[in-house]
Protein backbone atom coordinates (compact mmCIF):
# COMPACT_ATOMS: atom_id res chain seq x y z
CA MET A 1 -146.97 50.47 114.71
CA GLN A 2 -143.22 51.08 114.73
CA SER A 3 -141.72 53.29 112.02
CA HIS A 4 -139.65 50.41 110.57
CA GLU A 5 -142.83 48.33 110.04
CA ALA A 6 -144.32 50.76 107.49
CA ARG A 7 -144.11 49.15 104.06
CA PRO A 8 -146.31 48.77 100.98
CA GLY A 9 -148.82 45.94 101.22
CA LEU A 10 -149.22 46.10 105.00
CA VAL A 11 -152.84 46.09 106.21
CA VAL A 12 -153.51 48.86 108.76
CA ARG A 13 -156.36 50.44 110.73
CA VAL A 14 -156.73 54.18 111.33
CA HIS A 15 -156.45 55.00 115.06
CA LYS A 16 -159.69 55.91 116.80
CA SER A 17 -158.07 59.14 117.98
CA TYR A 18 -157.47 60.35 114.39
CA ARG A 19 -158.48 63.98 113.81
CA LYS A 20 -160.98 63.13 111.05
CA PRO A 21 -163.77 61.03 112.62
CA GLU A 22 -164.93 59.68 109.25
CA PHE A 23 -161.65 57.71 108.95
CA GLU A 24 -161.45 56.39 112.53
CA GLY A 25 -161.28 52.59 112.64
CA MET A 26 -161.19 52.17 108.85
CA LEU A 27 -159.04 49.44 107.35
CA GLY A 28 -156.68 50.01 104.47
CA THR A 29 -153.49 48.92 102.74
CA ILE A 30 -150.27 50.91 102.62
CA LYS A 31 -149.55 51.73 98.98
CA ARG A 32 -146.46 53.95 99.30
CA CYS A 33 -144.06 55.27 101.97
CA TYR A 34 -142.49 58.75 102.05
CA GLY A 35 -140.02 60.63 104.16
CA ASP A 36 -137.42 59.48 106.62
CA ALA A 37 -137.21 55.82 107.66
CA GLU A 38 -137.48 56.94 111.30
CA TYR A 39 -140.66 58.99 110.75
CA PRO A 40 -142.41 57.92 107.53
CA ALA A 41 -145.66 59.10 106.04
CA VAL A 42 -147.74 56.51 104.21
CA ASP A 43 -150.35 56.55 101.46
CA VAL A 44 -153.14 54.22 102.55
CA GLN A 45 -155.84 52.96 100.23
CA LEU A 46 -158.89 52.78 102.50
CA GLU A 47 -162.01 50.68 102.21
CA GLY A 48 -163.99 52.07 99.31
CA GLY A 49 -160.86 52.96 97.33
CA ARG A 50 -160.02 56.39 98.75
CA LEU A 51 -156.27 57.12 99.06
CA GLU A 52 -155.22 59.15 102.13
CA LEU A 53 -151.86 60.24 103.51
CA PHE A 54 -151.10 59.44 107.19
CA TRP A 55 -148.11 59.60 109.52
CA PHE A 56 -147.06 56.12 110.61
CA HIS A 57 -148.27 56.75 114.19
CA GLN A 58 -151.83 57.48 112.99
CA VAL A 59 -152.35 53.89 111.86
CA GLU A 60 -151.88 50.52 113.52
CA ARG A 61 -150.83 47.23 112.01
CA VAL A 62 -153.62 44.66 111.61
CA GLU A 63 -152.61 41.08 112.22
CA GLU A 64 -153.88 39.02 109.32
CA ARG A 65 -155.92 36.03 110.35
CA ARG A 66 -154.91 32.76 108.78
CA PRO A 67 -157.31 29.85 108.48
CA ALA A 68 -156.84 27.07 111.00
CA VAL A 69 -155.29 23.93 109.54
């Protein structure tokens, strides 16, 4: 994910190389952004409701699937 993509409402996945194995691969939604626009930190509400703080490079954007028409 690029720093400028970080915004509330974006669905993300925690990178598999994250330092806390219990969060690796989890999906969540960005709730709030902090810091500089070039290097933001983001609050992510993970599956199960837990809120965790990540640097933007520790998560990746998840492309939302849309139903076929």
